């Protein structure tokens, strides 16, 4: 078990202990409130006028004190104090554990650096407005970003198309593109960054109507 998993497990236990302690504390407060309500109601004994009171019995009668109730009230106070201390302890552990877990958690995979590995000449990356991306901007690319992968065409040649592949070892039919930007004189293909792509291995070829795929 690594550090992050250990902190997460400890934090879960402390949260459960916090909730349980808080529940016991509420229960104790309800018991105290119930005792106070019972004390507020006077206990008036019922006398029967038809019966005679034995004076000798009254002289030997023992006065019952309220000592057990006092002990019960003291025990309630002690237990509430302990529960409050436990509540603060588990609450503090939960907060500290949550903060440490956030600091030690790995960064989002979507913010990982994407490295451009180009295996063909003239290949560049542009944004959707055809602004060329710098190395720093390429490093900030993340999942879902759309870029234009381009290959510069050759002037004064019968180039009619291009094919561009990314992280693939075989040429497929969908790699062929006829999209052309006359301003920058390049063929391009829109590409969306996929999940957990840390390397972009880009390869491109130009097609001549007379010579076929150049480089083959």
C-alpha atoms as a PDB file:
ATOM      1  CA  UNK A   1       0.000   0.000   0.000  1.00  0.00           C
ATOM      2  CA  UNK A   2       1.486   3.363  -1.018  1.00  0.00           C
ATOM      3  CA  UNK A   3       1.352   6.612   0.945  1.00  0.00           C
ATOM      4  CA  UNK A   4      -1.696   8.036  -0.840  1.00  0.00           C
ATOM      5  CA  UNK A   5      -3.783   4.875  -0.313  1.00  0.00           C
ATOM      6  CA  UNK A   6      -2.789   4.821   3.379  1.00  0.00           C
ATOM      7  CA  UNK A   7      -3.796   8.467   3.864  1.00  0.00           C
ATOM      8  CA  UNK A   8      -7.111   7.886   2.083  1.00  0.00           C
ATOM      9  CA  UNK A   9      -7.914   4.855   4.269  1.00  0.00           C
ATOM     10  CA  UNK A  10      -7.008   6.729   7.484  1.00  0.00           C
ATOM     11  CA  UNK A  11      -9.087   9.697   6.380  1.00  0.00           C
ATOM     12  CA  UNK A  12     -12.122   7.463   5.716  1.00  0.00           C
ATOM     13  CA  UNK A  13     -11.831   5.880   9.175  1.00  0.00           C
ATOM     14  CA  UNK A  14     -11.541   9.283  10.867  1.00  0.00           C
ATOM     15  CA  UNK A  15     -14.611  10.562   8.997  1.00  0.00           C
ATOM     16  CA  UNK A  16     -16.646   7.520  10.097  1.00  0.00           C
ATOM     17  CA  UNK A  17     -15.448   7.967  13.681  1.00  0.00           C
ATOM     18  CA  UNK A  18     -16.363  11.659  13.531  1.00  0.00           C
ATOM     19  CA  UNK A  19     -19.903  10.855  12.360  1.00  0.00           C
ATOM     20  CA  UNK A  20     -20.326   8.140  15.014  1.00  0.00           C
ATOM     21  CA  UNK A  21     -19.061  10.390  17.810  1.00  0.00           C
ATOM     22  CA  UNK A  22     -21.357  13.198  16.686  1.00  0.00           C
ATOM     23  CA  UNK A  23     -24.320  10.791  16.800  1.00  0.00           C
ATOM     24  CA  UNK A  24     -23.481   9.680  20.363  1.00  0.00           C
ATOM     25  CA  UNK A  25     -23.115  13.316  21.394  1.00  0.00           C
ATOM     26  CA  UNK A  26     -26.593  14.142  20.104  1.00  0.00           C
ATOM     27  CA  UNK A  27     -27.962  11.106  21.942  1.00  0.00           C
ATOM     28  CA  UNK A  28     -26.426  12.273  25.214  1.00  0.00           C
ATOM     29  CA  UNK A  29     -27.921  15.739  24.799  1.00  0.00           C
ATOM     30  CA  UNK A  30     -31.334  14.151  24.279  1.00  0.00           C
ATOM     31  CA  UNK A  31     -30.946  12.127  27.476  1.00  0.00           C
ATOM     32  CA  UNK A  32     -30.036  15.247  29.450  1.00  0.00           C
ATOM     33  CA  UNK A  33     -33.017  17.117  28.032  1.00  0.00           C
ATOM     34  CA  UNK A  34     -35.264  14.212  28.948  1.00  0.00           C
ATOM     35  CA  UNK A  35     -33.949  14.210  32.534  1.00  0.00           C
ATOM     36  CA  UNK A  36     -34.539  17.949  32.852  1.00  0.00           C
ATOM     37  CA  UNK A  37     -38.113  17.595  31.638  1.00  0.00           C
ATOM     38  CA  UNK A  38     -38.787  14.811  34.159  1.00  0.00           C
ATOM     39  CA  UNK A  39     -37.381  16.942  37.009  1.00  0.00           C
ATOM     40  CA  UNK A  40     -39.506  19.923  35.975  1.00  0.00           C
ATOM     41  CA  UNK A  41     -42.689  17.903  36.567  1.00  0.00           C
ATOM     42  CA  UNK A  42     -43.437  17.684  40.347  1.00  0.00           C
ATOM     43  CA  UNK A  43     -44.183  14.205  41.669  1.00  0.00           C
ATOM     44  CA  UNK A  44     -47.182  14.786  43.993  1.00  0.00           C
ATOM     45  CA  UNK A  45     -48.117  11.722  46.060  1.00  0.00           C
ATOM     46  CA  UNK A  46     -51.762  10.706  46.279  1.00  0.00           C
ATOM     47  CA  UNK A  47     -53.274  10.687  49.784  1.00  0.00           C
ATOM     48  CA  UNK A  48     -56.283   8.693  50.837  1.00  0.00           C
ATOM     49  CA  UNK A  49     -58.277  10.570  53.491  1.00  0.00           C
ATOM     50  CA  UNK A  50     -59.994   7.351  54.593  1.00  0.00           C
ATOM     51  CA  UNK A  51     -56.715   5.815  55.706  1.00  0.00           C
ATOM     52  CA  UNK A  52     -55.078   6.647  59.022  1.00  0.00           C
ATOM     53  CA  UNK A  53     -51.454   7.564  59.216  1.00  0.00           C
ATOM     54  CA  UNK A  54     -49.313   5.457  61.492  1.00  0.00           C
ATOM     55  CA  UNK A  55     -47.389   8.031  63.540  1.00  0.00           C
ATOM     56  CA  UNK A  56     -44.911   5.423  64.700  1.00  0.00           C
ATOM     57  CA  UNK A  57     -44.159   4.526  61.082  1.00  0.00           C
ATOM     58  CA  UNK A  58     -43.701   8.194  60.196  1.00  0.00           C
ATOM     59  CA  UNK A  59     -41.204   8.642  63.035  1.00  0.00           C
ATOM     60  CA  UNK A  60     -39.106   5.702  61.843  1.00  0.00           C
ATOM     61  CA  UNK A  61     -39.375   6.615  58.145  1.00  0.00           C
ATOM     62  CA  UNK A  62     -36.129   7.220  56.270  1.00  0.00           C
ATOM     63  CA  UNK A  63     -35.777  10.254  54.046  1.00  0.00           C
ATOM     64  CA  UNK A  64     -34.773   9.239  50.523  1.00  0.00           C
ATOM     65  CA  UNK A  65     -32.259  11.594  48.980  1.00  0.00           C
ATOM     66  CA  UNK A  66     -31.785  12.383  45.270  1.00  0.00           C
ATOM     67  CA  UNK A  67     -28.122  11.263  45.224  1.00  0.00           C
ATOM     68  CA  UNK A  68     -28.385   8.698  42.361  1.00  0.00           C
ATOM     69  CA  UNK A  69     -29.784  11.367  40.011  1.00  0.00           C
ATOM     70  CA  UNK A  70     -26.879  13.674  40.899  1.00  0.00           C
ATOM     71  CA  UNK A  71     -24.405  10.926  40.048  1.00  0.00           C
ATOM     72  CA  UNK A  72     -26.216  10.313  36.767  1.00  0.00           C
ATOM     73  CA  UNK A  73     -26.022  14.008  35.845  1.00  0.00           C
ATOM     74  CA  UNK A  74     -22.276  14.065  36.618  1.00  0.00           C
ATOM     75  CA  UNK A  75     -21.656  10.978  34.488  1.00  0.00           C
ATOM     76  CA  UNK A  76     -23.549  12.592  31.601  1.00  0.00           C
ATOM     77  CA  UNK A  77     -21.351  15.687  31.805  1.00  0.00           C
ATOM     78  CA  UNK A  78     -18.151  13.632  31.858  1.00  0.00           C
ATOM     79  CA  UNK A  79     -19.287  11.555  28.889  1.00  0.00           C
ATOM     80  CA  UNK A  80     -20.240  14.671  26.915  1.00  0.00           C
ATOM     81  CA  UNK A  81     -16.821  16.179  27.617  1.00  0.00           C
ATOM     82  CA  UNK A  82     -15.101  13.022  26.348  1.00  0.00           C
ATOM     83  CA  UNK A  83     -17.292  12.952  23.245  1.00  0.00           C
ATOM     84  CA  UNK A  84     -16.532  16.602  22.454  1.00  0.00           C
ATOM     85  CA  UNK A  85     -12.781  15.941  22.735  1.00  0.00           C
ATOM     86  CA  UNK A  86     -13.124  12.910  20.431  1.00  0.00           C
ATOM     87  CA  UNK A  87     -15.228  14.948  18.013  1.00  0.00           C
ATOM     88  CA  UNK A  88     -12.541  17.634  17.759  1.00  0.00           C
ATOM     89  CA  UNK A  89      -9.804  14.999  17.429  1.00  0.00           C
ATOM     90  CA  UNK A  90     -11.433  13.033  14.606  1.00  0.00           C
ATOM     91  CA  UNK A  91     -12.556  16.225  12.878  1.00  0.00           C
ATOM     92  CA  UNK A  92      -8.991  17.560  12.912  1.00  0.00           C
ATOM     93  CA  UNK A  93      -7.612  14.267  11.578  1.00  0.00           C
ATOM     94  CA  UNK A  94     -10.189  14.272   8.772  1.00  0.00           C
ATOM     95  CA  UNK A  95      -9.336  17.835   7.710  1.00  0.00           C
ATOM     96  CA  UNK A  96      -5.556  17.315   7.861  1.00  0.00           C
ATOM     97  CA  UNK A  97      -5.809  13.977   6.051  1.00  0.00           C
ATOM     98  CA  UNK A  98      -7.894  15.547   3.293  1.00  0.00           C
ATOM     99  CA  UNK A  99      -5.399  18.377   2.791  1.00  0.00           C
ATOM    100  CA  UNK A 100      -2.416  15.998   2.697  1.00  0.00           C
ATOM    101  CA  UNK A 101      -4.200  13.710   0.227  1.00  0.00           C
ATOM    102  CA  UNK A 102      -4.881  16.630  -2.115  1.00  0.00           C
ATOM    103  CA  UNK A 103      -1.233  17.750  -1.988  1.00  0.00           C
ATOM    104  CA  UNK A 104       0.199  14.265  -2.556  1.00  0.00           C
ATOM    105  CA  UNK A 105      -2.338  13.206  -5.204  1.00  0.00           C
ATOM    106  CA  UNK A 106      -0.884  12.829  -8.713  1.00  0.00           C
ATOM    107  CA  UNK A 107      -1.550  15.607 -11.181  1.00  0.00           C
ATOM    108  CA  UNK A 108      -4.374  15.264 -13.660  1.00  0.00           C
ATOM    109  CA  UNK A 109      -3.340  13.142 -16.632  1.00  0.00           C
ATOM    110  CA  UNK A 110      -4.920  15.702 -18.953  1.00  0.00           C
ATOM    111  CA  UNK A 111      -2.221  18.240 -18.022  1.00  0.00           C
ATOM    112  CA  UNK A 112       0.697  15.945 -18.851  1.00  0.00           C
ATOM    113  CA  UNK A 113       3.207  17.207 -21.402  1.00  0.00           C
ATOM    114  CA  UNK A 114       2.652  15.999 -24.939  1.00  0.00           C
ATOM    115  CA  UNK A 115       5.912  15.510 -26.786  1.00  0.00           C
ATOM    116  CA  UNK A 116       6.037  15.943 -30.538  1.00  0.00           C
ATOM    117  CA  UNK A 117       8.093  13.301 -32.268  1.00  0.00           C
ATOM    118  CA  UNK A 118       8.250  14.126 -35.973  1.00  0.00           C
ATOM    119  CA  UNK A 119       9.667  11.580 -38.391  1.00  0.00           C
ATOM    120  CA  UNK A 120       9.084  13.515 -41.603  1.00  0.00           C
ATOM    121  CA  UNK A 121      10.449  16.791 -42.913  1.00  0.00           C
ATOM    122  CA  UNK A 122       8.208  19.827 -43.159  1.00  0.00           C
ATOM    123  CA  UNK A 123       5.749  18.663 -40.476  1.00  0.00           C
ATOM    124  CA  UNK A 124       4.461  21.380 -38.134  1.00  0.00           C
ATOM    125  CA  UNK A 125       1.593  21.889 -35.714  1.00  0.00           C
ATOM    126  CA  UNK A 126      -0.869  24.791 -35.962  1.00  0.00           C
ATOM    127  CA  UNK A 127      -3.966  25.724 -34.019  1.00  0.00           C
ATOM    128  CA  UNK A 128      -7.389  25.896 -35.706  1.00  0.00           C
ATOM    129  CA  UNK A 129      -6.696  29.490 -36.827  1.00  0.00           C
ATOM    130  CA  UNK A 130      -3.404  28.436 -38.450  1.00  0.00           C
ATOM    131  CA  UNK A 131      -1.173  30.004 -35.866  1.00  0.00           C
ATOM    132  CA  UNK A 132       1.962  27.898 -35.578  1.00  0.00           C
ATOM    133  CA  UNK A 133       2.370  26.339 -32.129  1.00  0.00           C
ATOM    134  CA  UNK A 134       5.617  26.904 -30.282  1.00  0.00           C
ATOM    135  CA  UNK A 135       7.360  24.196 -28.260  1.00  0.00           C
ATOM    136  CA  UNK A 136       5.930  25.671 -25.050  1.00  0.00           C
ATOM    137  CA  UNK A 137       2.408  25.676 -26.476  1.00  0.00           C
ATOM    138  CA  UNK A 138       2.782  22.096 -27.692  1.00  0.00           C
ATOM    139  CA  UNK A 139       3.837  21.074 -24.193  1.00  0.00           C
ATOM    140  CA  UNK A 140       0.569  22.488 -22.809  1.00  0.00           C
ATOM    141  CA  UNK A 141      -1.678  20.451 -25.102  1.00  0.00           C
ATOM    142  CA  UNK A 142      -4.157  18.211 -23.302  1.00  0.00           C
ATOM    143  CA  UNK A 143      -6.926  15.763 -24.000  1.00  0.00           C
ATOM    144  CA  UNK A 144      -9.627  17.150 -26.276  1.00  0.00           C
ATOM    145  CA  UNK A 145      -7.530  19.925 -27.847  1.00  0.00           C
ATOM    146  CA  UNK A 146      -7.816  20.181 -31.638  1.00  0.00           C
ATOM    147  CA  UNK A 147      -4.741  20.982 -33.736  1.00  0.00           C
ATOM    148  CA  UNK A 148      -3.882  21.092 -37.428  1.00  0.00           C
ATOM    149  CA  UNK A 149      -1.056  18.747 -38.332  1.00  0.00           C
ATOM    150  CA  UNK A 150       0.509  20.049 -41.512  1.00  0.00           C
ATOM    151  CA  UNK A 151       3.131  19.099 -44.051  1.00  0.00           C
ATOM    152  CA  UNK A 152       4.690  21.676 -46.330  1.00  0.00           C
ATOM    153  CA  UNK A 153       4.132  21.083 -50.019  1.00  0.00           C
ATOM    154  CA  UNK A 154       6.750  21.344 -52.765  1.00  0.00           C
ATOM    155  CA  UNK A 155       6.419  24.230 -55.198  1.00  0.00           C
ATOM    156  CA  UNK A 156       6.646  23.657 -58.910  1.00  0.00           C
ATOM    157  CA  UNK A 157       5.756  19.979 -58.505  1.00  0.00           C
ATOM    158  CA  UNK A 158       2.642  18.001 -59.342  1.00  0.00           C
ATOM    159  CA  UNK A 159       1.594  17.507 -55.684  1.00  0.00           C
ATOM    160  CA  UNK A 160      -2.121  16.783 -55.393  1.00  0.00           C
ATOM    161  CA  UNK A 161      -2.508  15.332 -51.869  1.00  0.00           C
ATOM    162  CA  UNK A 162      -0.745  14.200 -48.722  1.00  0.00           C
ATOM    163  CA  UNK A 163      -1.127  11.569 -46.054  1.00  0.00           C
ATOM    164  CA  UNK A 164      -0.534  12.067 -42.333  1.00  0.00           C
ATOM    165  CA  UNK A 165      -0.527   9.429 -39.613  1.00  0.00           C
ATOM    166  CA  UNK A 166      -0.195   9.838 -35.844  1.00  0.00           C
ATOM    167  CA  UNK A 167       1.037   7.082 -33.527  1.00  0.00           C
ATOM    168  CA  UNK A 168       0.417   4.438 -36.164  1.00  0.00           C
ATOM    169  CA  UNK A 169       2.778   2.074 -37.964  1.00  0.00           C
ATOM    170  CA  UNK A 170       0.722   1.457 -41.089  1.00  0.00           C
ATOM    171  CA  UNK A 171      -0.791   3.797 -43.635  1.00  0.00           C
ATOM    172  CA  UNK A 172      -4.594   3.750 -43.681  1.00  0.00           C
ATOM    173  CA  UNK A 173      -7.064   5.243 -46.129  1.00  0.00           C
ATOM    174  CA  UNK A 174      -8.203   7.905 -43.626  1.00  0.00           C
ATOM    175  CA  UNK A 175      -4.637   9.238 -43.446  1.00  0.00           C
ATOM    176  CA  UNK A 176      -4.977  10.776 -46.913  1.00  0.00           C
ATOM    177  CA  UNK A 177      -5.956  14.432 -47.012  1.00  0.00           C
ATOM    178  CA  UNK A 178      -6.556  16.914 -49.804  1.00  0.00           C
ATOM    179  CA  UNK A 179      -7.092  19.865 -47.472  1.00  0.00           C
ATOM    180  CA  UNK A 180      -4.742  22.577 -48.595  1.00  0.00           C
ATOM    181  CA  UNK A 181      -3.893  26.001 -47.216  1.00  0.00           C
ATOM    182  CA  UNK A 182      -2.654  28.175 -50.084  1.00  0.00           C
ATOM    183  CA  UNK A 183      -1.493  30.962 -47.766  1.00  0.00           C
ATOM    184  CA  UNK A 184       1.098  28.769 -46.064  1.00  0.00           C
ATOM    185  CA  UNK A 185       1.324  26.333 -48.974  1.00  0.00           C
ATOM    186  CA  UNK A 186       0.763  23.192 -46.929  1.00  0.00           C
ATOM    187  CA  UNK A 187      -1.557  20.221 -46.643  1.00  0.00           C
ATOM    188  CA  UNK A 188      -3.164  19.698 -43.277  1.00  0.00           C
ATOM    189  CA  UNK A 189      -5.289  17.352 -41.212  1.00  0.00           C
ATOM    190  CA  UNK A 190      -7.281  18.157 -38.088  1.00  0.00           C
ATOM    191  CA  UNK A 191      -6.378  16.011 -35.116  1.00  0.00           C
ATOM    192  CA  UNK A 192      -7.919  15.763 -31.616  1.00  0.00           C
ATOM    193  CA  UNK A 193      -5.605  14.851 -28.757  1.00  0.00           C
ATOM    194  CA  UNK A 194      -6.689  11.506 -27.323  1.00  0.00           C
ATOM    195  CA  UNK A 195      -6.667  10.314 -23.707  1.00  0.00           C
ATOM    196  CA  UNK A 196      -3.273   9.709 -22.072  1.00  0.00           C
ATOM    197  CA  UNK A 197      -1.272  10.564 -25.201  1.00  0.00           C
ATOM    198  CA  UNK A 198       2.174  11.562 -23.996  1.00  0.00           C
ATOM    199  CA  UNK A 199       3.911  11.218 -27.368  1.00  0.00           C
ATOM    200  CA  UNK A 200       2.812  12.249 -30.853  1.00  0.00           C
ATOM    201  CA  UNK A 201       4.724  10.286 -33.459  1.00  0.00           C
ATOM    202  CA  UNK A 202       3.819  12.093 -36.665  1.00  0.00           C
ATOM    203  CA  UNK A 203       4.704  10.916 -40.165  1.00  0.00           C
ATOM    204  CA  UNK A 204       3.656  12.517 -43.445  1.00  0.00           C
ATOM    205  CA  UNK A 205       4.159  12.004 -47.183  1.00  0.00           C
ATOM    206  CA  UNK A 206       3.344  14.051 -50.250  1.00  0.00           C
ATOM    207  CA  UNK A 207       1.737  12.540 -53.331  1.00  0.00           C
ATOM    208  CA  UNK A 208       2.746  13.459 -56.854  1.00  0.00           C
ATOM    209  CA  UNK A 209       0.384  12.840 -59.707  1.00  0.00           C
ATOM    210  CA  UNK A 210       3.348  11.669 -61.764  1.00  0.00           C
ATOM    211  CA  UNK A 211       5.641   9.952 -59.246  1.00  0.00           C
ATOM    212  CA  UNK A 212       3.220   8.641 -56.609  1.00  0.00           C
ATOM    213  CA  UNK A 213       4.029   8.795 -52.919  1.00  0.00           C
ATOM    214  CA  UNK A 214       7.323  10.570 -52.438  1.00  0.00           C
ATOM    215  CA  UNK A 215       9.779   8.755 -50.217  1.00  0.00           C
ATOM    216  CA  UNK A 216       8.559   5.224 -50.959  1.00  0.00           C
END
